Protein backbone atom coordinates (compact mmCIF):
# COMPACT_ATOMS: atom_id res chain seq x y z
CA MET A 1 16.68 3.80 -16.83
CA ARG A 2 19.28 2.77 -14.29
CA ARG A 3 18.75 -0.53 -12.52
CA PRO A 4 19.08 -0.77 -8.73
CA ALA A 5 22.33 -2.00 -7.21
CA PRO A 6 22.56 -5.70 -6.31
CA GLU A 7 20.97 -6.46 -2.96
CA ALA A 8 24.29 -7.65 -1.54
CA ALA A 9 25.91 -4.29 -2.23
CA VAL A 10 23.41 -1.94 -0.59
CA ARG A 11 21.23 -2.47 2.45
CA ALA A 12 17.49 -2.41 1.88
CA ALA A 13 15.47 0.45 3.39
CA VAL A 14 11.87 1.54 3.71
CA ARG A 15 11.39 4.92 2.01
CA THR A 16 9.21 7.10 4.24
CA VAL A 17 8.13 10.69 3.64
CA ARG A 18 10.85 11.87 6.05
CA GLY A 19 13.61 9.74 4.59
CA ASP A 20 14.81 6.15 4.39
CA ILE A 21 14.73 3.97 7.51
CA ALA A 22 15.93 0.48 8.35
CA PRO A 23 13.13 -2.07 7.79
CA GLU A 24 13.22 -3.15 11.43
CA ALA A 25 12.49 0.46 12.48
CA LEU A 26 9.07 0.42 10.80
CA GLY A 27 7.27 -1.12 13.79
CA VAL A 28 3.56 -1.97 13.93
CA CYS A 29 2.32 -1.12 10.44
CA ASP A 30 -1.04 -0.49 8.82
CA ALA A 31 0.03 -1.79 5.41
CA HIS A 32 -2.74 -0.11 3.39
CA ASP A 33 -4.58 3.05 4.36
CA HIS A 34 -5.28 6.66 3.36
CA LEU A 35 -4.80 9.99 5.11
CA PHE A 36 -5.69 11.99 1.98
CA LEU A 37 -7.82 10.88 -0.97
CA ARG A 38 -10.19 12.35 -3.53
CA SER A 39 -11.98 10.81 -6.48
CA PRO A 40 -14.82 11.74 -8.82
CA ARG A 41 -16.42 8.50 -7.62
CA LEU A 42 -16.58 9.78 -4.03
CA PRO A 43 -18.02 13.29 -4.33
CA GLY A 44 -18.30 15.05 -0.98
CA GLN A 45 -16.41 12.27 0.82
CA GLU A 46 -12.88 13.52 0.28
CA LEU A 47 -10.09 12.99 2.79
CA SER A 48 -8.62 16.48 2.56
CA ASP A 49 -8.44 17.91 6.09
CA PRO A 50 -4.91 17.91 7.60
CA ALA A 51 -6.31 18.40 11.11
CA ALA A 52 -8.52 15.32 10.75
CA ALA A 53 -5.57 13.35 9.40
CA ALA A 54 -3.51 14.42 12.41
CA ALA A 55 -6.25 13.34 14.81
CA GLU A 56 -6.55 9.95 13.10
CA LEU A 57 -2.80 9.41 13.29
CA ALA A 58 -2.83 10.34 16.98
CA ALA A 59 -5.56 7.79 17.63
CA PHE A 60 -3.64 5.15 15.67
CA ARG A 61 -0.47 5.93 17.61
CA ALA A 62 -2.35 5.69 20.92
CA ALA A 63 -3.54 2.21 19.89
CA GLY A 64 0.09 1.11 19.40
CA GLY A 65 0.61 1.95 15.72
CA ALA A 66 3.99 3.03 14.42
CA ALA A 67 3.66 3.17 10.60
CA VAL A 68 1.04 3.75 7.91
CA VAL A 69 1.43 3.06 4.19
CA GLN A 70 -0.76 5.46 2.21
CA TRP A 71 -1.76 3.85 -1.09
CA THR A 72 -3.11 7.10 -2.57
CA PRO A 73 -1.49 7.38 -6.03
CA HIS A 74 -0.75 10.25 -8.39
CA GLY A 75 -3.60 12.67 -9.10
CA MET A 76 -5.85 11.66 -6.19
CA GLY A 77 -4.99 14.34 -3.63
CA ARG A 78 -2.14 12.64 -1.78
CA GLY A 79 -1.42 15.66 0.44
CA ALA A 80 2.30 15.09 -0.10
CA ALA A 81 3.34 18.47 1.32
CA GLU A 82 1.45 17.72 4.55
CA LEU A 83 2.80 14.24 5.14
CA PRO A 84 6.27 14.97 6.60
CA GLY A 85 4.83 17.31 9.23
CA LEU A 86 2.10 14.83 10.12
CA ALA A 87 4.70 12.08 10.49
CA ARG A 88 6.93 14.23 12.66
CA GLU A 89 4.13 15.47 14.94
CA SER A 90 2.50 12.04 15.36
CA GLY A 91 5.63 9.95 15.65
CA VAL A 92 4.18 7.62 12.99
CA HIS A 93 6.24 6.65 9.94
CA ILE A 94 4.34 7.36 6.70
CA VAL A 95 5.08 5.75 3.34
CA ALA A 96 3.59 7.52 0.30
CA ALA A 97 2.72 6.05 -3.10
CA THR A 98 3.17 6.89 -6.74
CA GLY A 99 1.23 5.08 -9.48
CA LEU A 100 -2.23 5.39 -11.00
CA HIS A 101 -5.61 3.99 -9.99
CA GLN A 102 -8.38 2.88 -12.37
CA ALA A 103 -9.33 5.42 -15.03
CA VAL A 104 -12.73 6.06 -13.41
CA HIS A 105 -10.99 7.80 -10.51
CA TYR A 106 -9.68 10.61 -12.74
CA ALA A 107 -11.02 13.43 -14.85
CA PRO A 108 -10.14 12.72 -18.51
CA GLU A 109 -8.00 15.86 -18.73
CA LEU A 110 -5.85 14.72 -15.80
CA LEU A 111 -5.08 11.41 -17.51
CA ALA A 112 -4.40 13.24 -20.76
CA GLY A 113 -1.90 15.43 -18.94
CA VAL A 114 0.09 12.56 -17.45
CA GLY A 115 2.28 12.30 -20.53
CA ALA A 116 3.50 9.51 -22.73
CA ASP A 117 6.16 8.10 -20.40
CA LEU A 118 4.26 7.04 -17.32
CA ALA A 119 7.20 5.05 -15.96
CA GLU A 120 9.36 8.18 -15.90
CA LEU A 121 6.74 9.91 -13.74
CA PHE A 122 6.70 7.01 -11.30
CA VAL A 123 10.49 6.88 -11.11
CA ALA A 124 10.74 10.63 -10.55
CA GLU A 125 8.24 10.48 -7.68
CA LEU A 126 10.14 7.58 -6.13
CA THR A 127 13.63 9.05 -6.45
CA GLU A 128 13.28 12.85 -6.69
CA GLY A 129 9.97 13.76 -5.12
CA ILE A 130 6.27 14.34 -5.70
CA GLY A 131 5.89 17.63 -7.56
CA ASP A 132 8.05 20.26 -5.90
CA THR A 133 7.57 18.92 -2.36
CA GLY A 134 10.76 16.89 -2.15
CA VAL A 135 8.64 14.13 -0.59
CA ARG A 136 9.45 10.80 -2.22
CA ALA A 137 7.10 7.91 -2.70
CA GLY A 138 8.06 4.55 -1.25
CA MET A 139 5.84 2.24 -3.31
CA ILE A 140 3.91 2.03 -6.60
CA LYS A 141 0.12 1.57 -6.54
CA VAL A 142 -1.85 0.37 -9.57
CA ALA A 143 -5.23 -1.32 -10.02
CA GLY A 144 -6.91 -4.17 -11.82
CA GLY A 145 -10.52 -4.45 -12.91
CA PHE A 146 -13.37 -6.73 -11.92
CA HIS A 147 -12.25 -10.23 -12.95
CA GLY A 148 -9.93 -8.85 -15.61
CA LEU A 149 -7.53 -6.16 -16.84
CA ASP A 150 -8.53 -3.43 -19.27
CA ALA A 151 -6.17 -1.40 -21.46
CA HIS A 152 -5.68 1.24 -18.75
CA ALA A 153 -4.68 -1.40 -16.20
CA ARG A 154 -2.21 -2.97 -18.62
CA TRP A 155 -0.71 0.44 -19.39
CA THR A 156 -0.27 1.39 -15.76
CA MET A 157 1.02 -2.03 -14.71
CA THR A 158 3.55 -2.11 -17.53
CA ALA A 159 4.79 1.32 -16.42
CA ALA A 160 4.87 0.12 -12.81
CA ALA A 161 7.02 -2.86 -13.80
CA GLU A 162 9.46 -0.56 -15.59
CA ALA A 163 9.61 1.74 -12.58
CA HIS A 164 10.18 -1.25 -10.31
CA ARG A 165 13.12 -2.37 -12.46
CA ALA A 166 14.63 1.10 -12.17
CA THR A 167 14.13 1.56 -8.43
CA GLY A 168 13.38 -1.74 -6.71
CA ALA A 169 10.09 -0.34 -5.35
CA VAL A 170 7.31 -2.75 -4.47
CA ILE A 171 4.11 -2.70 -6.55
CA GLY A 172 0.81 -2.72 -4.62
CA VAL A 173 -2.24 -3.73 -6.63
CA HIS A 174 -5.86 -2.80 -5.92
CA LEU A 175 -7.85 -5.90 -6.88
CA GLU A 176 -11.40 -4.84 -7.68
CA GLY A 177 -13.63 -6.94 -5.45
CA GLY A 178 -10.57 -9.06 -4.68
CA THR A 179 -10.62 -10.49 -8.22
CA ALA A 180 -8.21 -10.92 -11.15
CA ALA A 181 -5.20 -11.82 -8.99
CA GLN A 182 -4.03 -14.42 -11.52
CA ASP A 183 -4.30 -11.92 -14.39
CA VAL A 184 -2.19 -9.44 -12.43
CA ILE A 185 0.49 -12.02 -11.67
CA GLU A 186 0.58 -13.19 -15.29
CA LEU A 187 1.13 -9.62 -16.49
CA LEU A 188 3.49 -8.28 -13.83
CA CYS A 189 5.50 -11.41 -13.08
CA GLY A 190 5.02 -13.47 -16.23
CA GLU A 191 5.17 -10.89 -19.02
CA GLN A 192 7.09 -8.14 -17.22
CA GLY A 193 9.43 -10.23 -15.07
CA VAL A 194 8.73 -8.56 -11.72
CA PRO A 195 9.68 -10.96 -8.90
CA PRO A 196 6.48 -12.06 -7.12
CA ARG A 197 7.95 -11.00 -3.76
CA ARG A 198 7.88 -7.41 -5.08
CA VAL A 199 4.11 -7.51 -5.68
CA ILE A 200 1.39 -6.96 -3.07
CA LEU A 201 -2.08 -8.21 -3.99
CA GLY A 202 -4.61 -6.01 -2.18
CA HIS A 203 -8.21 -6.54 -1.02
CA LEU A 204 -8.07 -10.32 -1.01
CA ASN A 205 -10.47 -10.31 1.95
CA ARG A 206 -13.23 -9.19 -0.43
CA PHE A 207 -13.17 -12.51 -2.34
CA PRO A 208 -12.16 -15.16 0.22
CA ASP A 209 -12.34 -18.18 -2.05
CA PRO A 210 -9.91 -20.76 -0.61
CA GLY A 211 -8.72 -21.97 -3.99
CA MET A 212 -8.05 -18.48 -5.27
CA LEU A 213 -6.21 -17.51 -2.10
CA ARG A 214 -4.08 -20.65 -2.24
CA ARG A 215 -3.14 -20.03 -5.87
CA ALA A 216 -2.31 -16.39 -5.14
CA ALA A 217 -0.12 -17.41 -2.21
CA GLU A 218 1.70 -20.05 -4.24
CA THR A 219 2.95 -17.36 -6.62
CA GLY A 220 5.09 -15.91 -3.79
CA ALA A 221 3.41 -12.49 -3.80
CA PHE A 222 2.48 -10.66 -0.60
CA LEU A 223 -1.22 -10.92 0.23
CA ALA A 224 -2.97 -7.90 1.75
CA PHE A 225 -6.19 -8.28 3.73
CA ASP A 226 -7.38 -4.72 4.16
CA GLY A 227 -10.53 -2.69 4.69
CA PRO A 228 -12.23 -4.51 7.59
CA SER A 229 -15.66 -3.64 8.96
CA ARG A 230 -17.04 -1.99 5.84
CA ALA A 231 -20.83 -2.15 5.72
CA HIS A 232 -20.72 -3.59 2.20
CA HIS A 233 -18.00 -6.16 2.95
CA ALA A 234 -19.78 -9.23 4.26
CA THR A 235 -16.64 -11.35 4.45
CA ASP A 236 -15.03 -10.22 7.73
CA TRP A 237 -16.18 -13.34 9.54
CA ARG A 238 -14.23 -15.50 7.06
CA LEU A 239 -10.93 -13.70 7.59
CA PRO A 240 -9.53 -15.77 10.50
CA GLU A 241 -10.30 -19.02 8.67
CA ALA A 242 -8.64 -17.77 5.46
CA LEU A 243 -5.52 -16.52 7.24
CA ARG A 244 -5.24 -19.71 9.30
CA ALA A 245 -5.38 -21.87 6.17
CA LEU A 246 -2.72 -19.78 4.43
CA ALA A 247 -0.43 -19.83 7.46
CA ASP A 248 -0.86 -23.59 7.90
CA ALA A 249 0.13 -24.02 4.23
CA GLY A 250 3.39 -22.18 4.88
CA HIS A 251 2.44 -18.70 3.67
CA GLY A 252 2.48 -16.83 6.99
CA ALA A 253 5.41 -14.66 5.90
CA GLN A 254 3.36 -13.23 2.99
CA LEU A 255 0.37 -11.89 4.91
CA LEU A 256 -0.32 -8.16 5.47
CA LEU A 257 -3.11 -6.30 7.29
CA GLY A 258 -4.48 -2.82 6.59
CA GLY A 259 -7.44 -0.56 7.25
CA ASP A 260 -8.01 1.17 3.87
CA THR A 261 -9.96 4.19 5.20
CA THR A 262 -11.31 5.92 2.09
CA THR A 263 -13.94 8.41 3.32
CA ALA A 264 -14.13 11.01 6.05
CA ALA A 265 -17.11 9.23 7.65
CA ALA A 266 -15.03 6.05 8.02
CA ARG A 267 -12.44 7.76 10.23
CA SER A 268 -12.45 6.88 13.91
CA VAL A 269 -12.51 10.56 14.82
CA ASN A 270 -15.81 10.83 12.90
CA GLY A 271 -17.42 7.76 14.44
CA GLY A 272 -16.15 5.12 12.01
CA PRO A 273 -13.68 2.27 12.62
CA GLY A 274 -10.76 4.14 11.04
CA MET A 275 -7.10 3.27 11.47
CA PRO A 276 -7.24 2.38 15.20
CA HIS A 277 -9.75 -0.45 14.56
CA LEU A 278 -6.94 -2.53 13.05
CA LEU A 279 -5.14 -2.56 16.41
CA ARG A 280 -7.91 -1.97 18.98
CA ARG A 281 -10.27 -4.66 17.70
CA GLN A 282 -9.09 -6.66 14.70
CA ARG A 283 -5.68 -7.55 16.14
CA LEU A 284 -7.28 -8.99 19.30
CA TRP A 285 -10.02 -10.77 17.35
CA LEU A 286 -7.54 -12.42 14.98
CA ALA A 287 -5.20 -13.38 17.82
CA GLU A 288 -7.95 -15.52 19.34
CA THR A 289 -7.89 -17.73 16.25
CA LEU A 290 -4.38 -17.32 14.88
CA GLY A 291 -2.39 -16.70 18.04
CA PRO A 292 -0.67 -13.41 18.90
CA GLU A 293 2.69 -14.40 17.38
CA LEU A 294 1.34 -14.74 13.83
CA VAL A 295 -0.74 -11.55 14.10
CA THR A 296 2.28 -9.61 15.37
CA ARG A 297 4.30 -10.97 12.45
CA MET A 298 1.65 -9.78 9.99
CA LEU A 299 1.81 -6.29 11.49
CA THR A 300 5.61 -5.95 11.86
CA VAL A 301 8.01 -8.37 10.18
CA ASN A 302 5.98 -8.91 7.02
CA PRO A 303 5.41 -5.23 6.11
CA ALA A 304 9.06 -4.46 6.89
CA ARG A 305 10.02 -7.03 4.25
CA ALA A 306 7.30 -6.04 1.79
CA PHE A 307 8.07 -2.31 1.66
CA ALA A 308 11.86 -2.43 1.94
CA ALA A 309 13.81 -1.91 -1.28
CA VAL A 310 17.39 -1.48 -2.39
CA TRP A 311 17.04 2.05 -3.74
CA PRO A 312 19.26 3.58 -6.44
CA PRO A 313 22.38 5.02 -4.74
CA GLU A 314 21.79 8.55 -6.04
CA SER A 315 18.41 8.69 -4.27
CA ALA A 316 19.34 7.07 -0.96
CA GLY A 317 19.74 8.75 2.40
CA ARG A 318 18.05 12.08 1.56
CA ARG A 319 15.52 13.73 3.88
CA ALA A 320 12.26 15.23 2.65
CA THR A 321 11.94 19.00 2.32
CA GLY A 322 10.47 20.44 5.52
CA ALA A 323 10.84 17.13 7.36
């Protein structure tokens, strides 16, 4: 695989479903969410309706949002063909993902059909397009397990590291219950040599242990606090305290915020908090404790840095089909 050009030679860009943009053009960003998603673990709760996705994006835009990063990986109903039109009509930048989730989110035959070279699949979706849509992914999403990494996680993370080396793309990691951050860093950054600044540790709000958060931050990775106001997440009230401690320790530039809407019932247009909650409620609530400057940084400057990459020259500057 071809390695990306040195950062000094080519300007970094965020790869959206309509083409590459300058990082500073990203704007207010929901750093982890879903417009489309399906899983055997969520029967009957699929995010599959383009009209509902359009309505949610419109509500997010009305609340001041400018960009959404969809962490839906390969084989989970990403709606890739729909994304450029949704981005154009809403005026919201959308970043799509390649990668693989935990094995439980797939039918066995789908995993069997992925093929032996998983990294090649990730690279193709990042540089050529998802299927025949021409829509390119702008990040890699993989997942750990509960307090550890199984063989599937090690396989997918090793492939993600190889795809990162070929493209420069950032790797976002679903941490089950917010756990196993150290195991992920040891594998991706220790064994595989991925720079920590090219790793996003997701769902840290679900396990707000101060020591764990401090150790995760000290690695240099980006830290995503996503999925607020879930009925089964009893840690929302600890979020301002955790973010304040990390910022005071000098890690304010590593913090990201996201909504992580995973079911139709959770959408704002269906009575749930949805994407707008991040800006209509959580932003104001956090600003009371952290100050508006830090919260704005978490929603703008930090995601612009996290998702920007120096892409291979042969894949740069192209627009998505139908964009």
